[in-house]
Amino acid sequence: MTAPFDVGAEPIAGTEIHSYYRDRPASELSPLLRSGAGFTMFWHAVGFEGEMPFAAFADRLPADMRQVSPKRITEYLAGRYCAERALAAAGAEAGCWLPRGSDRLPIWPPGWTGSISHADGIAAAAVVARAPGTALGLDVEHWINADQAGQICRLIASQAELELLVALPPERALTLLFSAKEALFKALYPSTRRFMEFSAARLVDANDKELSLQLSEHWSPDWMRGTVVPVRFLLQEAYVSAAALARQTPVAL
């Protein structure tokens, strides 16, 4: 279950009534973002409510975002705040607020790579020391309902994939698979620079902590068809989180 907002640090008020953010407890994402495969990951998560909970950071907004919706501004600032805190925990330069590249992706400081995700009321970021072939992707999704699942199911998953997740209600199985593939795509896009369909990766194995996604298409010379990427996941009361962390190690099944 997700931790309630009254756990962890004291809330920090925004500019509006009932507007605040609060750092999530250190234990919350630990099962998801454990170290492994020679990596040491660092992360930070924050919960938030209200119109402008991160107004104190508004002066750090890119110029072209100053006129977008308050919701989009909040999500952007929440993600950057989490990235700054994760980098600080990793020992990177304090106060490292990520700039944005021409492709709108965050520019991570030298020696580091990471991933940011947000959903309504929560944001998280994870970072890892950069090494050749390192891929890290993080995704957070609120559970979709049965009606939504029926509308998007064919775009996300095959029947064979869903059969590997029969322990979950169908809409939750679909949300989990959607989140896992999003985490994979976010991990690989910085090196492949390709937008792929959900069918470009398929679920080939699953247990209660990790999914194995196999690339069913050629993504790049470094990420070939047949490569299997582990994606850890965490099922919580309001949402599901997924993290893909791998190096280029093609495995053909």
C-alpha atoms as a PDB file:
ATOM      1  CA  MET A   1       0.000   0.000   0.000  1.00  0.00           C
ATOM      2  CA  THR A   2       1.087   3.532  -0.583  1.00  0.00           C
ATOM      3  CA  ALA A   3       2.277   5.425   2.472  1.00  0.00           C
ATOM      4  CA  PRO A   4      -0.094   8.172   3.674  1.00  0.00           C
ATOM      5  CA  PHE A   5       0.957  11.779   3.347  1.00  0.00           C
ATOM      6  CA  ASP A   6       1.301  12.141   7.105  1.00  0.00           C
ATOM      7  CA  VAL A   7       4.389   9.916   7.046  1.00  0.00           C
ATOM      8  CA  GLY A   8       7.817  11.413   6.453  1.00  0.00           C
ATOM      9  CA  ALA A   9       8.953  15.010   6.409  1.00  0.00           C
ATOM     10  CA  GLU A  10       6.762  17.953   7.362  1.00  0.00           C
ATOM     11  CA  PRO A  11       4.724  19.425   4.486  1.00  0.00           C
ATOM     12  CA  ILE A  12       6.079  22.549   2.800  1.00  0.00           C
ATOM     13  CA  ALA A  13       3.394  25.061   1.912  1.00  0.00           C
ATOM     14  CA  GLY A  14       2.869  26.479  -1.550  1.00  0.00           C
ATOM     15  CA  THR A  15       1.350  29.846  -2.370  1.00  0.00           C
ATOM     16  CA  GLU A  16      -2.301  28.747  -2.318  1.00  0.00           C
ATOM     17  CA  ILE A  17      -4.474  27.501   0.556  1.00  0.00           C
ATOM     18  CA  HIS A  18      -4.239  23.709   0.941  1.00  0.00           C
ATOM     19  CA  SER A  19      -1.286  23.693  -1.445  1.00  0.00           C
ATOM     20  CA  TYR A  20       1.828  21.846  -0.311  1.00  0.00           C
ATOM     21  CA  TYR A  21       4.363  19.169  -1.104  1.00  0.00           C
ATOM     22  CA  ARG A  22       5.868  16.541   1.151  1.00  0.00           C
ATOM     23  CA  ASP A  23       8.848  14.266   0.661  1.00  0.00           C
ATOM     24  CA  ARG A  24       7.829  10.627   0.633  1.00  0.00           C
ATOM     25  CA  PRO A  25       9.247   8.226   3.229  1.00  0.00           C
ATOM     26  CA  ALA A  26      12.613   6.723   2.390  1.00  0.00           C
ATOM     27  CA  SER A  27      11.248   3.182   2.556  1.00  0.00           C
ATOM     28  CA  GLU A  28       8.514   3.655  -0.048  1.00  0.00           C
ATOM     29  CA  LEU A  29      10.295   2.906  -3.319  1.00  0.00           C
ATOM     30  CA  SER A  30      13.209   0.921  -1.900  1.00  0.00           C
ATOM     31  CA  PRO A  31      11.838  -2.476  -3.033  1.00  0.00           C
ATOM     32  CA  LEU A  32      11.490  -1.076  -6.566  1.00  0.00           C
ATOM     33  CA  LEU A  33      14.781   0.774  -6.859  1.00  0.00           C
ATOM     34  CA  ARG A  34      17.152  -1.591  -5.128  1.00  0.00           C
ATOM     35  CA  SER A  35      20.708  -1.779  -6.360  1.00  0.00           C
ATOM     36  CA  GLY A  36      21.586  -4.621  -8.680  1.00  0.00           C
ATOM     37  CA  ALA A  37      23.594  -5.748 -11.701  1.00  0.00           C
ATOM     38  CA  GLY A  38      26.538  -3.674 -10.512  1.00  0.00           C
ATOM     39  CA  PHE A  39      24.478  -0.497 -10.129  1.00  0.00           C
ATOM     40  CA  THR A  40      23.829   1.693  -7.113  1.00  0.00           C
ATOM     41  CA  MET A  41      20.656   3.720  -7.559  1.00  0.00           C
ATOM     42  CA  PHE A  42      19.556   6.825  -5.740  1.00  0.00           C
ATOM     43  CA  TRP A  43      16.037   8.183  -5.785  1.00  0.00           C
ATOM     44  CA  HIS A  44      13.614  10.684  -4.331  1.00  0.00           C
ATOM     45  CA  ALA A  45       9.821  10.885  -4.355  1.00  0.00           C
ATOM     46  CA  VAL A  46       7.416  13.620  -3.354  1.00  0.00           C
ATOM     47  CA  GLY A  47       3.675  13.904  -2.858  1.00  0.00           C
ATOM     48  CA  PHE A  48       1.840  17.153  -3.532  1.00  0.00           C
ATOM     49  CA  GLU A  49      -1.581  18.762  -3.462  1.00  0.00           C
ATOM     50  CA  GLY A  50      -3.135  22.060  -4.458  1.00  0.00           C
ATOM     51  CA  GLU A  51      -2.766  24.641  -7.198  1.00  0.00           C
ATOM     52  CA  MET A  52       0.907  25.669  -6.988  1.00  0.00           C
ATOM     53  CA  PRO A  53       2.746  23.582  -4.375  1.00  0.00           C
ATOM     54  CA  PHE A  54       6.157  24.222  -5.984  1.00  0.00           C
ATOM     55  CA  ALA A  55       5.712  27.964  -6.470  1.00  0.00           C
ATOM     56  CA  ALA A  56       8.994  28.593  -4.632  1.00  0.00           C
ATOM     57  CA  PHE A  57      10.799  27.087  -7.642  1.00  0.00           C
ATOM     58  CA  ALA A  58       8.803  28.909 -10.323  1.00  0.00           C
ATOM     59  CA  ASP A  59      11.752  31.132 -11.227  1.00  0.00           C
ATOM     60  CA  ARG A  60      13.506  28.013 -12.549  1.00  0.00           C
ATOM     61  CA  LEU A  61      10.862  27.347 -15.204  1.00  0.00           C
ATOM     62  CA  PRO A  62      12.007  27.530 -18.833  1.00  0.00           C
ATOM     63  CA  ALA A  63      10.601  30.622 -20.529  1.00  0.00           C
ATOM     64  CA  ASP A  64       8.360  28.601 -22.858  1.00  0.00           C
ATOM     65  CA  MET A  65       6.634  26.933 -19.901  1.00  0.00           C
ATOM     66  CA  ARG A  66       5.571  30.034 -18.032  1.00  0.00           C
ATOM     67  CA  GLN A  67       2.214  30.185 -19.825  1.00  0.00           C
ATOM     68  CA  VAL A  68       1.268  26.507 -19.671  1.00  0.00           C
ATOM     69  CA  SER A  69      -1.349  25.132 -17.300  1.00  0.00           C
ATOM     70  CA  PRO A  70      -0.713  25.117 -13.528  1.00  0.00           C
ATOM     71  CA  LYS A  71      -0.974  21.309 -13.604  1.00  0.00           C
ATOM     72  CA  ARG A  72       1.809  21.009 -16.184  1.00  0.00           C
ATOM     73  CA  ILE A  73       3.960  23.494 -14.264  1.00  0.00           C
ATOM     74  CA  THR A  74       3.471  21.542 -11.045  1.00  0.00           C
ATOM     75  CA  GLU A  75       4.410  18.251 -12.699  1.00  0.00           C
ATOM     76  CA  TYR A  76       7.523  19.757 -14.274  1.00  0.00           C
ATOM     77  CA  LEU A  77       8.729  21.366 -11.049  1.00  0.00           C
ATOM     78  CA  ALA A  78       7.920  18.252  -8.997  1.00  0.00           C
ATOM     79  CA  GLY A  79       9.995  16.097 -11.318  1.00  0.00           C
ATOM     80  CA  ARG A  80      12.938  18.499 -11.334  1.00  0.00           C
ATOM     81  CA  TYR A  81      12.766  18.807  -7.545  1.00  0.00           C
ATOM     82  CA  CYS A  82      12.942  15.013  -7.199  1.00  0.00           C
ATOM     83  CA  ALA A  83      15.848  14.816  -9.633  1.00  0.00           C
ATOM     84  CA  GLU A  84      17.776  17.463  -7.683  1.00  0.00           C
ATOM     85  CA  ARG A  85      17.212  15.604  -4.411  1.00  0.00           C
ATOM     86  CA  ALA A  86      18.161  12.231  -5.937  1.00  0.00           C
ATOM     87  CA  LEU A  87      21.385  13.681  -7.362  1.00  0.00           C
ATOM     88  CA  ALA A  88      22.219  15.248  -4.003  1.00  0.00           C
ATOM     89  CA  ALA A  89      21.739  11.867  -2.324  1.00  0.00           C
ATOM     90  CA  ALA A  90      24.058  10.327  -4.911  1.00  0.00           C
ATOM     91  CA  GLY A  91      26.785  12.833  -4.116  1.00  0.00           C
ATOM     92  CA  ALA A  92      26.447  14.993  -7.212  1.00  0.00           C
ATOM     93  CA  GLU A  93      26.871  18.739  -7.023  1.00  0.00           C
ATOM     94  CA  ALA A  94      24.367  20.215  -4.556  1.00  0.00           C
ATOM     95  CA  GLY A  95      21.510  22.223  -6.024  1.00  0.00           C
ATOM     96  CA  CYS A  96      21.796  20.619  -9.453  1.00  0.00           C
ATOM     97  CA  TRP A  97      18.560  21.738 -11.177  1.00  0.00           C
ATOM     98  CA  LEU A  98      18.375  19.927 -14.506  1.00  0.00           C
ATOM     99  CA  PRO A  99      18.284  22.039 -17.664  1.00  0.00           C
ATOM    100  CA  ARG A 100      16.266  20.890 -20.665  1.00  0.00           C
ATOM    101  CA  GLY A 101      17.734  20.000 -24.034  1.00  0.00           C
ATOM    102  CA  SER A 102      16.445  20.935 -27.474  1.00  0.00           C
ATOM    103  CA  ASP A 103      14.668  17.569 -27.523  1.00  0.00           C
ATOM    104  CA  ARG A 104      12.919  18.557 -24.258  1.00  0.00           C
ATOM    105  CA  LEU A 105      14.672  15.786 -22.337  1.00  0.00           C
ATOM    106  CA  PRO A 106      16.469  16.601 -19.072  1.00  0.00           C
ATOM    107  CA  ILE A 107      20.216  17.077 -19.355  1.00  0.00           C
ATOM    108  CA  TRP A 108      21.835  15.039 -16.605  1.00  0.00           C
ATOM    109  CA  PRO A 109      25.154  16.197 -15.165  1.00  0.00           C
ATOM    110  CA  PRO A 110      28.375  14.548 -16.366  1.00  0.00           C
ATOM    111  CA  GLY A 111      28.786  11.081 -14.923  1.00  0.00           C
ATOM    112  CA  TRP A 112      25.089  10.534 -14.180  1.00  0.00           C
ATOM    113  CA  THR A 113      21.953   9.369 -15.920  1.00  0.00           C
ATOM    114  CA  GLY A 114      18.431   9.127 -14.598  1.00  0.00           C
ATOM    115  CA  SER A 115      14.701   9.123 -15.158  1.00  0.00           C
ATOM    116  CA  ILE A 116      11.757  11.193 -13.947  1.00  0.00           C
ATOM    117  CA  SER A 117       8.085  10.275 -13.707  1.00  0.00           C
ATOM    118  CA  HIS A 118       4.941  11.839 -12.287  1.00  0.00           C
ATOM    119  CA  ALA A 119       1.240  11.166 -11.931  1.00  0.00           C
ATOM    120  CA  ASP A 120      -1.505  13.167 -10.235  1.00  0.00           C
ATOM    121  CA  GLY A 121      -0.204  14.006  -6.770  1.00  0.00           C
ATOM    122  CA  ILE A 122       3.134  12.209  -6.900  1.00  0.00           C
ATOM    123  CA  ALA A 123       6.488  12.508  -8.654  1.00  0.00           C
ATOM    124  CA  ALA A 124       9.707  10.513  -8.451  1.00  0.00           C
ATOM    125  CA  ALA A 125      13.194  10.471  -9.930  1.00  0.00           C
ATOM    126  CA  ALA A 126      15.980   7.902  -9.917  1.00  0.00           C
ATOM    127  CA  VAL A 127      19.645   8.327 -10.843  1.00  0.00           C
ATOM    128  CA  VAL A 128      22.608   6.026 -11.372  1.00  0.00           C
ATOM    129  CA  ALA A 129      26.258   6.602 -12.207  1.00  0.00           C
ATOM    130  CA  ARG A 130      26.653   6.622 -15.973  1.00  0.00           C
ATOM    131  CA  ALA A 131      28.455   3.637 -17.503  1.00  0.00           C
ATOM    132  CA  PRO A 132      28.651   2.421 -21.106  1.00  0.00           C
ATOM    133  CA  GLY A 133      25.323   0.918 -22.096  1.00  0.00           C
ATOM    134  CA  THR A 134      23.499   1.917 -18.911  1.00  0.00           C
ATOM    135  CA  ALA A 135      19.737   2.271 -19.350  1.00  0.00           C
ATOM    136  CA  LEU A 136      17.401   3.526 -16.622  1.00  0.00           C
ATOM    137  CA  GLY A 137      13.698   4.235 -16.934  1.00  0.00           C
ATOM    138  CA  LEU A 138      11.140   5.012 -14.226  1.00  0.00           C
ATOM    139  CA  ASP A 139       7.354   5.184 -14.580  1.00  0.00           C
ATOM    140  CA  VAL A 140       4.488   5.880 -12.174  1.00  0.00           C
ATOM    141  CA  GLU A 141       0.871   5.327 -13.206  1.00  0.00           C
ATOM    142  CA  HIS A 142      -2.467   5.544 -11.451  1.00  0.00           C
ATOM    143  CA  TRP A 143      -4.583   2.415 -11.856  1.00  0.00           C
ATOM    144  CA  ILE A 144      -6.845   2.541 -14.892  1.00  0.00           C
ATOM    145  CA  ASN A 145     -10.444   1.384 -14.616  1.00  0.00           C
ATOM    146  CA  ALA A 146     -12.160  -1.403 -16.525  1.00  0.00           C
ATOM    147  CA  ASP A 147     -13.680   0.949 -19.125  1.00  0.00           C
ATOM    148  CA  GLN A 148     -10.313   2.541 -19.879  1.00  0.00           C
ATOM    149  CA  ALA A 149      -8.681  -0.877 -20.057  1.00  0.00           C
ATOM    150  CA  GLY A 150     -11.193  -2.027 -22.650  1.00  0.00           C
ATOM    151  CA  GLN A 151     -10.426   0.982 -24.845  1.00  0.00           C
ATOM    152  CA  ILE A 152      -6.633   0.615 -24.898  1.00  0.00           C
ATOM    153  CA  CYS A 153      -5.994  -3.075 -24.291  1.00  0.00           C
ATOM    154  CA  ARG A 154      -5.220  -3.993 -27.910  1.00  0.00           C
ATOM    155  CA  LEU A 155      -2.682  -1.178 -28.144  1.00  0.00           C
ATOM    156  CA  ILE A 156      -0.746  -2.298 -25.066  1.00  0.00           C
ATOM    157  CA  ALA A 157      -0.777  -6.062 -24.714  1.00  0.00           C
ATOM    158  CA  SER A 158      -1.433  -9.363 -26.394  1.00  0.00           C
ATOM    159  CA  GLN A 159      -3.570 -12.059 -24.838  1.00  0.00           C
ATOM    160  CA  ALA A 160      -0.458 -14.173 -24.289  1.00  0.00           C
ATOM    161  CA  GLU A 161       1.134 -11.358 -22.278  1.00  0.00           C
ATOM    162  CA  LEU A 162      -1.949 -10.859 -20.126  1.00  0.00           C
ATOM    163  CA  GLU A 163      -2.104 -14.583 -19.413  1.00  0.00           C
ATOM    164  CA  LEU A 164       1.223 -14.228 -17.597  1.00  0.00           C
ATOM    165  CA  LEU A 165      -0.457 -11.782 -15.211  1.00  0.00           C
ATOM    166  CA  VAL A 166      -3.648 -13.690 -14.441  1.00  0.00           C
ATOM    167  CA  ALA A 167      -3.122 -13.256 -10.683  1.00  0.00           C
ATOM    168  CA  LEU A 168      -4.163  -9.614 -11.102  1.00  0.00           C
ATOM    169  CA  PRO A 169      -7.558  -8.216 -12.140  1.00  0.00           C
ATOM    170  CA  PRO A 170      -7.459  -7.550 -15.904  1.00  0.00           C
ATOM    171  CA  GLU A 171      -7.386  -3.750 -15.610  1.00  0.00           C
ATOM    172  CA  ARG A 172      -4.545  -3.909 -13.088  1.00  0.00           C
ATOM    173  CA  ALA A 173      -2.595  -6.361 -15.214  1.00  0.00           C
ATOM    174  CA  LEU A 174      -2.930  -3.974 -18.150  1.00  0.00           C
ATOM    175  CA  THR A 175      -1.873  -0.955 -16.054  1.00  0.00           C
ATOM    176  CA  LEU A 176       1.186  -2.844 -14.809  1.00  0.00           C
ATOM    177  CA  LEU A 177       2.206  -3.885 -18.315  1.00  0.00           C
ATOM    178  CA  PHE A 178       1.635  -0.359 -19.628  1.00  0.00           C
ATOM    179  CA  SER A 179       3.835   1.076 -16.873  1.00  0.00           C
ATOM    180  CA  ALA A 180       6.565  -1.529 -17.383  1.00  0.00           C
ATOM    181  CA  LYS A 181       6.732  -0.847 -21.127  1.00  0.00           C
ATOM    182  CA  GLU A 182       6.759   2.900 -20.494  1.00  0.00           C
ATOM    183  CA  ALA A 183       9.703   2.432 -18.122  1.00  0.00           C
ATOM    184  CA  LEU A 184      11.509   0.377 -20.759  1.00  0.00           C
ATOM    185  CA  PHE A 185      10.856   2.927 -23.502  1.00  0.00           C
ATOM    186  CA  LYS A 186      12.058   5.770 -21.256  1.00  0.00           C
ATOM    187  CA  ALA A 187      15.214   3.785 -20.492  1.00  0.00           C
ATOM    188  CA  LEU A 188      16.098   3.105 -24.132  1.00  0.00           C
ATOM    189  CA  TYR A 189      14.968   6.273 -25.906  1.00  0.00           C
ATOM    190  CA  PRO A 190      18.017   8.402 -24.940  1.00  0.00           C
ATOM    191  CA  SER A 191      20.294   5.992 -26.810  1.00  0.00           C
ATOM    192  CA  THR A 192      17.971   4.798 -29.602  1.00  0.00           C
ATOM    193  CA  ARG A 193      16.155   8.082 -30.291  1.00  0.00           C
ATOM    194  CA  ARG A 194      13.243   6.063 -31.620  1.00  0.00           C
ATOM    195  CA  PHE A 195       9.579   6.099 -30.653  1.00  0.00           C
ATOM    196  CA  MET A 196       8.417   2.499 -30.605  1.00  0.00           C
ATOM    197  CA  GLU A 197       4.982   0.882 -30.489  1.00  0.00           C
ATOM    198  CA  PHE A 198       4.006  -1.133 -27.428  1.00  0.00           C
ATOM    199  CA  SER A 199       4.272  -4.261 -29.580  1.00  0.00           C
ATOM    200  CA  ALA A 200       8.035  -3.611 -29.920  1.00  0.00           C
ATOM    201  CA  ALA A 201       8.525  -5.302 -26.532  1.00  0.00           C
ATOM    202  CA  ARG A 202       6.668  -8.288 -25.156  1.00  0.00           C
ATOM    203  CA  LEU A 203       6.283  -9.806 -21.736  1.00  0.00           C
ATOM    204  CA  VAL A 204       7.968 -13.221 -21.592  1.00  0.00           C
ATOM    205  CA  ASP A 205       8.133 -13.906 -17.849  1.00  0.00           C
ATOM    206  CA  ALA A 206       6.770 -12.525 -14.588  1.00  0.00           C
ATOM    207  CA  ASN A 207       6.982 -13.039 -10.853  1.00  0.00           C
ATOM    208  CA  ASP A 208       5.687 -11.008  -7.912  1.00  0.00           C
ATOM    209  CA  LYS A 209       8.499  -8.422  -8.125  1.00  0.00           C
ATOM    210  CA  GLU A 210       9.810  -8.339 -11.686  1.00  0.00           C
ATOM    211  CA  LEU A 211       8.739  -8.599 -15.307  1.00  0.00           C
ATOM    212  CA  SER A 212      10.986  -9.701 -18.171  1.00  0.00           C
ATOM    213  CA  LEU A 213      10.396  -7.723 -21.362  1.00  0.00           C
ATOM    214  CA  GLN A 214      11.938  -8.992 -24.587  1.00  0.00           C
ATOM    215  CA  LEU A 215      12.527  -6.631 -27.497  1.00  0.00           C
ATOM    216  CA  SER A 216      10.475  -8.033 -30.369  1.00  0.00           C
ATOM    217  CA  GLU A 217      11.981  -5.599 -32.891  1.00  0.00           C
ATOM    218  CA  HIS A 218      15.410  -4.212 -33.702  1.00  0.00           C
ATOM    219  CA  TRP A 219      15.640  -0.951 -31.704  1.00  0.00           C
ATOM    220  CA  SER A 220      19.249  -0.020 -32.460  1.00  0.00           C
ATOM    221  CA  PRO A 221      22.645  -1.702 -33.003  1.00  0.00           C
ATOM    222  CA  ASP A 222      23.038  -1.758 -29.217  1.00  0.00           C
ATOM    223  CA  TRP A 223      19.521  -2.941 -28.411  1.00  0.00           C
ATOM    224  CA  MET A 224      18.766  -5.808 -30.736  1.00  0.00           C
ATOM    225  CA  ARG A 225      15.694  -7.953 -31.173  1.00  0.00           C
ATOM    226  CA  GLY A 226      15.769 -10.681 -28.520  1.00  0.00           C
ATOM    227  CA  THR A 227      17.325  -8.549 -25.781  1.00  0.00           C
ATOM    228  CA  VAL A 228      15.625  -9.160 -22.448  1.00  0.00           C
ATOM    229  CA  VAL A 229      15.343  -6.277 -19.981  1.00  0.00           C
ATOM    230  CA  PRO A 230      14.222  -6.804 -16.368  1.00  0.00           C
ATOM    231  CA  VAL A 231      11.618  -4.355 -15.077  1.00  0.00           C
ATOM    232  CA  ARG A 232      10.952  -4.308 -11.357  1.00  0.00           C
ATOM    233  CA  PHE A 233       7.534  -3.146 -10.180  1.00  0.00           C
ATOM    234  CA  LEU A 234       5.719  -2.100  -7.039  1.00  0.00           C
ATOM    235  CA  LEU A 235       1.943  -2.355  -6.639  1.00  0.00           C
ATOM    236  CA  GLN A 236       0.510   0.308  -4.365  1.00  0.00           C
ATOM    237  CA  GLU A 237      -2.958   1.358  -3.306  1.00  0.00           C
ATOM    238  CA  ALA A 238      -3.442   4.207  -5.756  1.00  0.00           C
ATOM    239  CA  TYR A 239      -0.795   3.555  -8.390  1.00  0.00           C
ATOM    240  CA  VAL A 240       1.820   1.225  -9.813  1.00  0.00           C
ATOM    241  CA  SER A 241       5.521   2.031 -10.226  1.00  0.00           C
ATOM    242  CA  ALA A 242       7.976   0.356 -12.597  1.00  0.00           C
ATOM    243  CA  ALA A 243      11.735   0.683 -13.077  1.00  0.00           C
ATOM    244  CA  ALA A 244      13.828  -0.681 -15.940  1.00  0.00           C
ATOM    245  CA  LEU A 245      17.557  -0.848 -15.273  1.00  0.00           C
ATOM    246  CA  ALA A 246      19.915  -2.725 -17.531  1.00  0.00           C
ATOM    247  CA  ARG A 247      23.125  -2.738 -19.532  1.00  0.00           C
ATOM    248  CA  GLN A 248      23.461  -3.806 -23.131  1.00  0.00           C
ATOM    249  CA  THR A 249      23.494  -7.568 -22.732  1.00  0.00           C
ATOM    250  CA  PRO A 250      21.528  -9.181 -25.582  1.00  0.00           C
ATOM    251  CA  VAL A 251      19.862 -12.423 -24.678  1.00  0.00           C
ATOM    252  CA  ALA A 252      18.031 -14.443 -27.322  1.00  0.00           C
ATOM    253  CA  LEU A 253      15.237 -16.682 -26.101  1.00  0.00           C
END
